[in-house]
Each structure stands twice: as structure tokens, then as C-alpha cells.
Amino acid sequence: MREILGRRRRLRFRRKARTARLDAAVTFAVEWDWPVLPGVSLATTTRTAAGAACACPDLECAVPGAHPYDPGLLAATTDERMIRWWWTRRPDAPVVLATGGDAPCAVSLPAVAGARALTALDAMGMRLGPVVATPTRWSILVAPYSLERLGELLYAKDSVPSSLRFHGEGGYLLLPPSVAGTGQVRWERAPLAGSSRPWLPDVEAVVDALVEASTSTPGGGSRLTY
């Protein structure tokens, strides 16, 4: 009897999780005008020595369950009918945001450095928008920027923490409540409830604050390295 009840609970949890991904994808695309597409899922029957395996053909995939595959990134859309068609057929698919253009971009750091960065930015009084977290990396969503502008911004800096990654034009980012090989994707700083479209800080303001937080560490080290 306990085994039957356990199976029913697991089935209800899976149905709820699948519905949550579809609902999230529709919110991002239709309410916030963020172009999304379904990412490749984790393999259900295969595991590697490092853990979960990707459902894509690459047996040595470095980012299992955390990238576009079929459809490709250029298919990202805000069309509700297309999104519902995708997730009705692939309810376990992660939600992938195509960054750049008119869509949000992001600056990401290793998870430990991300936690330190948010503490430092809060102490500075820096206003942040949504922050996406996985067990390995945290991503600060920022307003759209061009690659040219990013290049000029970084060129003007004496140094930038090497742990930073930039998700801009032609890039992508997994959004909650996706699950990838590294684990659950969640909001560390969730958008305000009822937001018509979440506010996003300017990339220059975020990078300036991160550089200051990094270089102000006593002893000359960087708290954003790890």
C-alpha cells in the first residue's frame, strides 16, 4: 500500500513540475516578451561517471540538459501557440532564454562568488533585478546590450574578474523551474510578483559594482574568484 501511495505522490509531483515549466515559459514569452525555446532534456536511462547524462547525441556533453538542441537557438519565440505546442509534447524540457537583441542579457559567476557578490552589491545599495541560481553558477539579469558596447566597457577596465561570464547576443540561459545536469534552476532573487515585465539594471552599472567588489578585498585578493 505504501509503495502504491509513493508512486501516486511521485506521479503528482511530476505532473505538477511539467505544468510549472509550461506555465513559466508562457509567462516569460507572453507576459514579459522574453523569447524562449525548449532545451534538451536529461537522458532518462543513461548516466555517466560524472552524473546525469544529456539526451543530445554528444556522449561527452559538457552541459547535460542545459543547452538548446532541437530546435536550435534561432527558433526562440514569444508566440504562445508555439510554446504550448513545444511543451505539450516535451513537458520535461528546460526553459531556455535566448539572450540579447531586445531580450535580457546576463552576467554570471560561480555560485560561491555569486553569493559574495550579491552581499557586496547589497552593501553598496546597488539595485538588482532578477537573479537566476544553479548549484554551480549564479546569473544577474541585466538590460540588453550589444557586443560592441560590452567590448568597449571591458576594454576601459584595468581588470575584470576572470570568473565573470557574459550572456549576450547569440547566447542563452536556463530559467526556473528547469532542471539540468548540475541540478535545479531557481530564482535567488525572483521578479516581483505581478510584474508586467521585470526591471533590469544596466550592464555597465553591474560590471562597475562587481569590479569594485572584487578589487576592494583586503590583501589584494578577489572575493569573486571562486
Foldseek 3Di string as FASTA:
>chain_A
DVVVVVVVVVVVVLVVQLVVQLVVLLCCQPLAVFFKDFAWAWDPPDADPVGIHAPDPDRPDPWHLWAHDVVHPVPTHSDSVVSCVRSVVVSQTFIKTQAADQHWKKKKFFPQLVVLLVVQCVVVVHDFWWWKDFNTMIITIAGADDPVVVVVLCVPDPDAAPRIDIAHHRGMGTAPQHAIRRGGMDIPHHAPPPDSHIDHHHPSVSRVSQVCQQQVDPPRGGSRND
